[in-house]
Amino acid sequence: MAERKSFLLRIAPDLWADVEAWAVDELRSVNGQIEYLLRQAVLKRKGAALGRGPAARNPGKPKTP
């Protein structure tokens, strides 16, 4: 199994409470939930960079008819 990197995260108490509640809803630990959310964000970013994500399909400039 690959070694895991540990680091300190400072987070606002209200955000912590929201992530903690979300983690409970999805049967994950808070650490697992944060890792899941980060992984999803990275995959979304990679998809956009490759022209497959929503950001690539809608770059922010509307097309004129």
N, C-alpha and C. Protein backbone atom coordinates (compact mmCIF):
# COMPACT_ATOMS: atom_id res chain seq x y z
N MET A 1 0.85 -1.19 0.00
CA MET A 1 0.00 0.00 0.00
C MET A 1 0.89 1.24 0.00
N ALA A 2 0.49 2.24 -0.76
CA ALA A 2 1.27 3.47 -0.87
C ALA A 2 1.27 4.23 0.46
N GLU A 3 2.39 4.88 0.71
CA GLU A 3 2.50 5.69 1.91
C GLU A 3 1.59 6.91 1.76
N ARG A 4 0.98 7.33 2.87
CA ARG A 4 0.08 8.48 2.85
C ARG A 4 0.78 9.67 3.47
N LYS A 5 0.53 10.83 2.93
CA LYS A 5 1.11 12.08 3.40
C LYS A 5 0.21 12.70 4.46
N SER A 6 0.79 13.09 5.58
CA SER A 6 0.05 13.78 6.64
C SER A 6 0.35 15.27 6.58
N PHE A 7 -0.66 16.10 6.89
CA PHE A 7 -0.43 17.54 6.96
C PHE A 7 -1.49 18.16 7.85
N LEU A 8 -1.18 19.34 8.36
CA LEU A 8 -2.08 20.07 9.24
C LEU A 8 -3.03 20.92 8.39
N LEU A 9 -4.30 20.89 8.72
CA LEU A 9 -5.28 21.70 8.01
C LEU A 9 -6.01 22.59 9.01
N ARG A 10 -5.95 23.87 8.77
CA ARG A 10 -6.72 24.81 9.60
C ARG A 10 -8.00 25.10 8.84
N ILE A 11 -9.13 24.98 9.54
CA ILE A 11 -10.43 25.11 8.88
C ILE A 11 -11.40 25.82 9.82
N ALA A 12 -12.24 26.65 9.26
CA ALA A 12 -13.22 27.38 10.06
C ALA A 12 -14.19 26.39 10.73
N PRO A 13 -14.56 26.66 11.97
CA PRO A 13 -15.44 25.74 12.69
C PRO A 13 -16.77 25.46 11.99
N ASP A 14 -17.34 26.45 11.34
CA ASP A 14 -18.62 26.23 10.65
C ASP A 14 -18.44 25.34 9.42
N LEU A 15 -17.32 25.50 8.71
CA LEU A 15 -17.04 24.64 7.57
C LEU A 15 -16.78 23.21 8.05
N TRP A 16 -16.04 23.08 9.16
CA TRP A 16 -15.77 21.75 9.74
C TRP A 16 -17.10 21.04 10.06
N ALA A 17 -18.02 21.77 10.67
CA ALA A 17 -19.32 21.18 11.04
C ALA A 17 -20.07 20.71 9.80
N ASP A 18 -20.03 21.50 8.74
CA ASP A 18 -20.71 21.11 7.50
C ASP A 18 -20.07 19.86 6.88
N VAL A 19 -18.74 19.83 6.83
CA VAL A 19 -18.04 18.67 6.26
C VAL A 19 -18.27 17.44 7.13
N GLU A 20 -18.27 17.63 8.44
CA GLU A 20 -18.50 16.51 9.36
C GLU A 20 -19.90 15.92 9.18
N ALA A 21 -20.91 16.79 9.05
CA ALA A 21 -22.28 16.31 8.83
C ALA A 21 -22.39 15.59 7.50
N TRP A 22 -21.74 16.10 6.47
CA TRP A 22 -21.73 15.49 5.15
C TRP A 22 -21.07 14.12 5.22
N ALA A 23 -19.96 14.04 5.93
CA ALA A 23 -19.25 12.77 6.08
C ALA A 23 -20.13 11.73 6.76
N VAL A 24 -20.83 12.13 7.79
CA VAL A 24 -21.74 11.20 8.50
C VAL A 24 -22.82 10.71 7.54
N ASP A 25 -23.38 11.61 6.75
CA ASP A 25 -24.42 11.24 5.78
C ASP A 25 -23.92 10.21 4.77
N GLU A 26 -22.63 10.28 4.42
CA GLU A 26 -22.07 9.38 3.41
C GLU A 26 -21.24 8.25 4.03
N LEU A 27 -21.38 8.08 5.35
CA LEU A 27 -20.71 7.00 6.08
C LEU A 27 -19.18 7.02 5.90
N ARG A 28 -18.61 8.22 5.97
CA ARG A 28 -17.16 8.39 5.88
C ARG A 28 -16.67 9.12 7.12
N SER A 29 -15.36 9.01 7.37
CA SER A 29 -14.73 9.87 8.37
C SER A 29 -14.58 11.26 7.76
N VAL A 30 -14.31 12.24 8.59
CA VAL A 30 -14.09 13.59 8.06
C VAL A 30 -12.86 13.57 7.16
N ASN A 31 -11.81 12.87 7.57
CA ASN A 31 -10.62 12.76 6.75
C ASN A 31 -10.95 12.12 5.40
N GLY A 32 -11.71 11.04 5.42
CA GLY A 32 -12.12 10.37 4.20
C GLY A 32 -12.96 11.27 3.31
N GLN A 33 -13.82 12.07 3.92
CA GLN A 33 -14.68 12.97 3.15
C GLN A 33 -13.85 14.06 2.48
N ILE A 34 -12.90 14.62 3.21
CA ILE A 34 -12.04 15.66 2.64
C ILE A 34 -11.22 15.08 1.50
N GLU A 35 -10.67 13.88 1.69
CA GLU A 35 -9.89 13.25 0.62
C GLU A 35 -10.77 12.98 -0.60
N TYR A 36 -12.00 12.51 -0.38
CA TYR A 36 -12.94 12.26 -1.47
C TYR A 36 -13.22 13.55 -2.25
N LEU A 37 -13.50 14.64 -1.53
CA LEU A 37 -13.81 15.92 -2.18
C LEU A 37 -12.62 16.44 -2.97
N LEU A 38 -11.42 16.32 -2.40
CA LEU A 38 -10.22 16.75 -3.11
C LEU A 38 -10.01 15.92 -4.38
N ARG A 39 -10.21 14.62 -4.27
CA ARG A 39 -10.02 13.75 -5.43
C ARG A 39 -11.02 14.10 -6.53
N GLN A 40 -12.28 14.36 -6.17
CA GLN A 40 -13.28 14.75 -7.15
C GLN A 40 -12.92 16.07 -7.83
N ALA A 41 -12.42 17.03 -7.05
CA ALA A 41 -12.03 18.32 -7.60
C ALA A 41 -10.86 18.17 -8.58
N VAL A 42 -9.90 17.32 -8.23
CA VAL A 42 -8.74 17.10 -9.11
C VAL A 42 -9.19 16.41 -10.40
N LEU A 43 -10.06 15.41 -10.30
CA LEU A 43 -10.54 14.73 -11.50
C LEU A 43 -11.32 15.69 -12.40
N LYS A 44 -12.13 16.55 -11.80
CA LYS A 44 -12.89 17.54 -12.57
C LYS A 44 -11.94 18.50 -13.27
N ARG A 45 -10.91 18.94 -12.58
CA ARG A 45 -9.93 19.86 -13.17
C ARG A 45 -9.19 19.19 -14.32
N LYS A 46 -8.79 17.94 -14.12
CA LYS A 46 -8.09 17.22 -15.18
C LYS A 46 -8.98 17.04 -16.40
N GLY A 47 -10.26 16.74 -16.17
CA GLY A 47 -11.20 16.59 -17.29
C GLY A 47 -11.36 17.89 -18.05
N ALA A 48 -11.42 19.01 -17.34
CA ALA A 48 -11.55 20.31 -18.00
C ALA A 48 -10.30 20.62 -18.81
N ALA A 49 -9.15 20.26 -18.27
CA ALA A 49 -7.89 20.53 -18.98
C ALA A 49 -7.79 19.70 -20.25
N LEU A 50 -8.43 18.54 -20.26
CA LEU A 50 -8.39 17.67 -21.43
C LEU A 50 -9.57 17.91 -22.37
N GLY A 51 -10.39 18.91 -22.05
CA GLY A 51 -11.52 19.23 -22.91
C GLY A 51 -12.74 18.36 -22.68
N ARG A 52 -12.80 17.70 -21.50
CA ARG A 52 -13.92 16.80 -21.25
C ARG A 52 -14.83 17.27 -20.13
N GLY A 53 -14.43 18.25 -19.35
CA GLY A 53 -15.23 18.68 -18.21
C GLY A 53 -16.15 19.82 -18.56
N PRO A 54 -17.02 20.21 -17.61
CA PRO A 54 -17.96 21.31 -17.87
C PRO A 54 -17.26 22.63 -18.17
N ALA A 55 -16.13 22.88 -17.54
CA ALA A 55 -15.42 24.14 -17.79
C ALA A 55 -14.92 24.20 -19.22
N ALA A 56 -14.56 23.07 -19.79
CA ALA A 56 -14.08 23.04 -21.17
C ALA A 56 -15.24 23.26 -22.15
N ARG A 57 -16.41 22.76 -21.80
CA ARG A 57 -17.57 22.92 -22.68
C ARG A 57 -18.15 24.31 -22.61
N ASN A 58 -17.98 24.99 -21.47
CA ASN A 58 -18.55 26.31 -21.28
C ASN A 58 -17.45 27.22 -20.71
N PRO A 59 -16.56 27.71 -21.54
CA PRO A 59 -15.43 28.48 -21.04
C PRO A 59 -15.78 29.85 -20.50
N GLY A 60 -17.03 30.23 -20.50
CA GLY A 60 -17.43 31.50 -19.90
C GLY A 60 -17.81 32.56 -20.91
N LYS A 61 -17.49 32.38 -22.15
CA LYS A 61 -17.82 33.35 -23.19
C LYS A 61 -19.00 32.81 -23.99
N PRO A 62 -20.17 33.44 -23.88
CA PRO A 62 -21.34 32.94 -24.60
C PRO A 62 -21.18 33.07 -26.10
N LYS A 63 -21.70 32.10 -26.82
CA LYS A 63 -21.66 32.14 -28.30
C LYS A 63 -22.82 32.98 -28.79
N THR A 64 -22.56 33.78 -29.78
CA THR A 64 -23.63 34.59 -30.37
C THR A 64 -24.27 33.82 -31.51
N PRO A 65 -25.61 33.90 -31.62
CA PRO A 65 -26.30 33.16 -32.70
C PRO A 65 -26.03 33.71 -34.07
